[in-house]
Structure formats: structure tokens, C-alpha cells
Amino acid sequence: MGWLNGYVALVTGGGSGIGRAVVKRYIAEGCTGVGVMVRSQEQAESLVAEFGDQVVTSLGDVRSGWDNQADHRTGAPCPLQ
């Protein structure tokens, strides 16, 4: 059991580098699932290939106010409960 057992997390910039390492660590530490904002379809597909149904991806750039607002407006339920 990890210290995040049963939690759900959100990681922005999780498609590569430090963000992707955070996603990997959160899952290793027991997160039920991780929502990940990535900048490309390729990053999204790579995350799903590696972590399967433990991740849910959203395309966008956290530096873009428009992308952030669009994500919040969708109101889609999180399937990682």
C-alpha cells in the first residue's frame, strides 16, 4: 500500500518529463487514477498505453487561459471514482 492509496490526482503537464514522472509515482503510490493534461494526442496515447485505465487525459496547455476554461466548462464526470 502506498501513501496515496485510494486517492485520485490531477497532473498538468504530465505528458513528459517531470510531470510524467509524477504520474508514474502517483500510480505506484496507490492512486486509484490520475487525470492528466497533455499537449498532444501522441502524449495522451503514450500515457494510456503505459498506464491503461488508471489515467484519463485531456488535451490542452495549462499556460493557456482558454484551455483551462474549456476544461472546466466541460463538466464531464470523472470515471476514476
N, C-alpha and C. Protein backbone atom coordinates (compact mmCIF):
# COMPACT_ATOMS: atom_id res chain seq x y z
N MET A 1 0.84 -1.19 0.00
CA MET A 1 0.00 0.00 0.00
C MET A 1 0.88 1.25 0.00
N GLY A 2 0.52 2.19 -0.84
CA GLY A 2 1.26 3.43 -0.91
C GLY A 2 0.58 4.52 -0.10
N TRP A 3 1.26 5.61 0.03
CA TRP A 3 0.74 6.72 0.82
C TRP A 3 -0.40 7.46 0.12
N LEU A 4 -0.67 7.16 -1.15
CA LEU A 4 -1.78 7.78 -1.87
C LEU A 4 -2.90 6.78 -2.17
N ASN A 5 -2.91 5.67 -1.46
CA ASN A 5 -3.87 4.62 -1.72
C ASN A 5 -5.31 5.15 -1.70
N GLY A 6 -6.00 4.93 -2.83
CA GLY A 6 -7.40 5.33 -2.93
C GLY A 6 -7.65 6.76 -3.38
N TYR A 7 -6.62 7.57 -3.50
CA TYR A 7 -6.80 8.95 -3.93
C TYR A 7 -6.87 9.05 -5.46
N VAL A 8 -7.45 10.14 -5.95
CA VAL A 8 -7.45 10.49 -7.36
C VAL A 8 -6.70 11.81 -7.47
N ALA A 9 -5.81 11.92 -8.45
CA ALA A 9 -4.97 13.11 -8.60
C ALA A 9 -5.17 13.74 -9.98
N LEU A 10 -4.78 15.00 -10.08
CA LEU A 10 -4.76 15.73 -11.35
C LEU A 10 -3.35 16.27 -11.55
N VAL A 11 -2.77 15.97 -12.71
CA VAL A 11 -1.42 16.43 -13.02
C VAL A 11 -1.47 17.21 -14.33
N THR A 12 -1.02 18.45 -14.29
CA THR A 12 -0.91 19.23 -15.52
C THR A 12 0.50 19.05 -16.05
N GLY A 13 0.65 19.02 -17.37
CA GLY A 13 1.98 18.83 -17.96
C GLY A 13 2.50 17.43 -17.73
N GLY A 14 1.62 16.46 -17.65
CA GLY A 14 2.02 15.10 -17.34
C GLY A 14 2.41 14.26 -18.53
N GLY A 15 2.52 14.86 -19.69
CA GLY A 15 2.85 14.09 -20.89
C GLY A 15 4.31 13.74 -21.04
N SER A 16 5.18 14.48 -20.34
CA SER A 16 6.61 14.21 -20.47
C SER A 16 7.36 14.77 -19.27
N GLY A 17 8.61 14.42 -19.18
CA GLY A 17 9.50 14.98 -18.17
C GLY A 17 9.05 14.75 -16.74
N ILE A 18 9.19 15.79 -15.93
CA ILE A 18 8.86 15.70 -14.51
C ILE A 18 7.38 15.36 -14.31
N GLY A 19 6.50 15.94 -15.11
CA GLY A 19 5.08 15.67 -14.98
C GLY A 19 4.75 14.20 -15.19
N ARG A 20 5.37 13.60 -16.18
CA ARG A 20 5.13 12.17 -16.44
C ARG A 20 5.68 11.33 -15.29
N ALA A 21 6.82 11.72 -14.75
CA ALA A 21 7.39 11.01 -13.60
C ALA A 21 6.46 11.10 -12.39
N VAL A 22 5.80 12.25 -12.23
CA VAL A 22 4.84 12.41 -11.14
C VAL A 22 3.66 11.46 -11.33
N VAL A 23 3.14 11.37 -12.56
CA VAL A 23 2.04 10.45 -12.85
C VAL A 23 2.44 9.03 -12.47
N LYS A 24 3.62 8.62 -12.91
CA LYS A 24 4.11 7.27 -12.64
C LYS A 24 4.23 7.01 -11.13
N ARG A 25 4.76 7.98 -10.42
CA ARG A 25 4.94 7.83 -8.97
C ARG A 25 3.59 7.79 -8.25
N TYR A 26 2.66 8.66 -8.65
CA TYR A 26 1.34 8.67 -8.01
C TYR A 26 0.66 7.32 -8.17
N ILE A 27 0.74 6.74 -9.35
CA ILE A 27 0.13 5.43 -9.58
C ILE A 27 0.85 4.37 -8.75
N ALA A 28 2.17 4.43 -8.71
CA ALA A 28 2.95 3.47 -7.92
C ALA A 28 2.62 3.58 -6.43
N GLU A 29 2.27 4.78 -5.99
CA GLU A 29 1.95 5.00 -4.58
C GLU A 29 0.49 4.75 -4.24
N GLY A 30 -0.28 4.23 -5.22
CA GLY A 30 -1.62 3.76 -4.91
C GLY A 30 -2.78 4.60 -5.39
N CYS A 31 -2.53 5.67 -6.15
CA CYS A 31 -3.66 6.45 -6.67
C CYS A 31 -4.60 5.55 -7.46
N THR A 32 -5.88 5.72 -7.23
CA THR A 32 -6.88 4.98 -7.98
C THR A 32 -6.81 5.38 -9.46
N GLY A 33 -6.54 6.63 -9.71
CA GLY A 33 -6.43 7.13 -11.07
C GLY A 33 -5.84 8.52 -11.07
N VAL A 34 -5.37 8.92 -12.25
CA VAL A 34 -4.76 10.24 -12.40
C VAL A 34 -5.32 10.89 -13.66
N GLY A 35 -5.88 12.09 -13.50
CA GLY A 35 -6.28 12.91 -14.63
C GLY A 35 -5.06 13.69 -15.08
N VAL A 36 -4.77 13.67 -16.37
CA VAL A 36 -3.54 14.27 -16.88
C VAL A 36 -3.84 15.22 -18.03
N MET A 37 -3.37 16.46 -17.91
CA MET A 37 -3.48 17.41 -19.02
C MET A 37 -2.19 17.33 -19.82
N VAL A 38 -2.33 17.04 -21.11
CA VAL A 38 -1.18 16.90 -22.00
C VAL A 38 -1.34 17.84 -23.20
N ARG A 39 -0.24 18.07 -23.91
CA ARG A 39 -0.28 19.00 -25.04
C ARG A 39 -0.51 18.35 -26.39
N SER A 40 -0.38 17.02 -26.47
CA SER A 40 -0.55 16.39 -27.79
C SER A 40 -1.27 15.05 -27.68
N GLN A 41 -1.86 14.66 -28.78
CA GLN A 41 -2.53 13.37 -28.86
C GLN A 41 -1.53 12.23 -28.65
N GLU A 42 -0.32 12.41 -29.15
CA GLU A 42 0.72 11.39 -29.00
C GLU A 42 1.05 11.16 -27.53
N GLN A 43 1.15 12.23 -26.75
CA GLN A 43 1.41 12.10 -25.32
C GLN A 43 0.26 11.37 -24.64
N ALA A 44 -0.97 11.71 -25.01
CA ALA A 44 -2.14 11.05 -24.43
C ALA A 44 -2.12 9.56 -24.72
N GLU A 45 -1.87 9.20 -25.96
CA GLU A 45 -1.85 7.80 -26.35
C GLU A 45 -0.73 7.03 -25.64
N SER A 46 0.41 7.67 -25.48
CA SER A 46 1.54 7.05 -24.79
C SER A 46 1.21 6.78 -23.32
N LEU A 47 0.56 7.73 -22.67
CA LEU A 47 0.17 7.54 -21.26
C LEU A 47 -0.82 6.39 -21.12
N VAL A 48 -1.81 6.35 -22.00
CA VAL A 48 -2.81 5.29 -21.94
C VAL A 48 -2.15 3.94 -22.23
N ALA A 49 -1.21 3.90 -23.16
CA ALA A 49 -0.51 2.65 -23.47
C ALA A 49 0.27 2.15 -22.25
N GLU A 50 0.86 3.07 -21.50
CA GLU A 50 1.66 2.68 -20.34
C GLU A 50 0.83 2.37 -19.10
N PHE A 51 -0.21 3.19 -18.84
CA PHE A 51 -0.94 3.09 -17.58
C PHE A 51 -2.37 2.59 -17.70
N GLY A 52 -2.83 2.40 -18.92
CA GLY A 52 -4.17 1.87 -19.14
C GLY A 52 -5.27 2.72 -18.55
N ASP A 53 -6.23 2.08 -17.89
CA ASP A 53 -7.39 2.80 -17.38
C ASP A 53 -7.11 3.52 -16.07
N GLN A 54 -5.86 3.59 -15.66
CA GLN A 54 -5.52 4.36 -14.46
C GLN A 54 -5.34 5.85 -14.77
N VAL A 55 -5.35 6.22 -16.06
CA VAL A 55 -5.23 7.62 -16.43
C VAL A 55 -6.40 8.05 -17.31
N VAL A 56 -6.75 9.31 -17.18
CA VAL A 56 -7.71 9.96 -18.07
C VAL A 56 -6.99 11.21 -18.56
N THR A 57 -6.93 11.39 -19.87
CA THR A 57 -6.17 12.51 -20.42
C THR A 57 -7.09 13.60 -20.96
N SER A 58 -6.55 14.81 -20.97
CA SER A 58 -7.23 15.96 -21.52
C SER A 58 -6.20 16.76 -22.31
N LEU A 59 -6.52 17.08 -23.56
CA LEU A 59 -5.60 17.86 -24.38
C LEU A 59 -5.72 19.33 -24.04
N GLY A 60 -4.58 19.96 -23.84
CA GLY A 60 -4.57 21.39 -23.55
C GLY A 60 -3.23 21.82 -23.00
N ASP A 61 -3.10 23.10 -22.77
CA ASP A 61 -1.87 23.67 -22.24
C ASP A 61 -2.24 24.52 -21.04
N VAL A 62 -1.74 24.17 -19.88
CA VAL A 62 -2.09 24.88 -18.65
C VAL A 62 -1.73 26.37 -18.73
N ARG A 63 -0.80 26.72 -19.59
CA ARG A 63 -0.42 28.13 -19.74
C ARG A 63 -1.45 28.93 -20.52
N SER A 64 -2.41 28.23 -21.15
CA SER A 64 -3.44 28.89 -21.94
C SER A 64 -4.71 29.06 -21.12
N GLY A 65 -5.09 30.28 -20.87
CA GLY A 65 -6.32 30.54 -20.14
C GLY A 65 -7.52 29.92 -20.83
N TRP A 66 -7.53 29.94 -22.15
CA TRP A 66 -8.64 29.37 -22.90
C TRP A 66 -8.74 27.87 -22.65
N ASP A 67 -7.63 27.14 -22.72
CA ASP A 67 -7.65 25.69 -22.48
C ASP A 67 -8.14 25.38 -21.07
N ASN A 68 -7.69 26.16 -20.09
CA ASN A 68 -8.11 25.92 -18.71
C ASN A 68 -9.61 26.14 -18.55
N GLN A 69 -10.11 27.20 -19.13
CA GLN A 69 -11.54 27.48 -19.02
C GLN A 69 -12.35 26.41 -19.73
N ALA A 70 -11.89 25.97 -20.89
CA ALA A 70 -12.61 24.95 -21.66
C ALA A 70 -12.69 23.65 -20.86
N ASP A 71 -11.60 23.26 -20.21
CA ASP A 71 -11.61 22.03 -19.41
C ASP A 71 -12.62 22.13 -18.28
N HIS A 72 -12.69 23.26 -17.64
CA HIS A 72 -13.58 23.42 -16.50
C HIS A 72 -15.03 23.50 -16.94
N ARG A 73 -15.27 24.02 -18.13
CA ARG A 73 -16.65 24.16 -18.61
C ARG A 73 -17.25 22.84 -19.06
N THR A 74 -16.42 21.85 -19.40
CA THR A 74 -16.98 20.61 -19.91
C THR A 74 -17.84 19.92 -18.87
N GLY A 75 -17.42 19.99 -17.61
CA GLY A 75 -18.21 19.39 -16.55
C GLY A 75 -18.37 17.88 -16.66
N ALA A 76 -17.46 17.24 -17.40
CA ALA A 76 -17.56 15.79 -17.58
C ALA A 76 -17.26 15.09 -16.26
N PRO A 77 -18.05 14.08 -15.92
CA PRO A 77 -17.80 13.35 -14.67
C PRO A 77 -16.48 12.58 -14.75
N CYS A 78 -15.81 12.46 -13.65
CA CYS A 78 -14.55 11.74 -13.60
C CYS A 78 -14.83 10.24 -13.46
N PRO A 79 -14.33 9.42 -14.38
CA PRO A 79 -14.60 7.98 -14.31
C PRO A 79 -13.69 7.25 -13.34
N LEU A 80 -12.86 7.96 -12.58
CA LEU A 80 -11.87 7.31 -11.71
C LEU A 80 -12.29 7.24 -10.27
N GLN A 81 -13.57 7.17 -9.99
CA GLN A 81 -14.03 7.17 -8.60
C GLN A 81 -13.99 5.80 -7.99
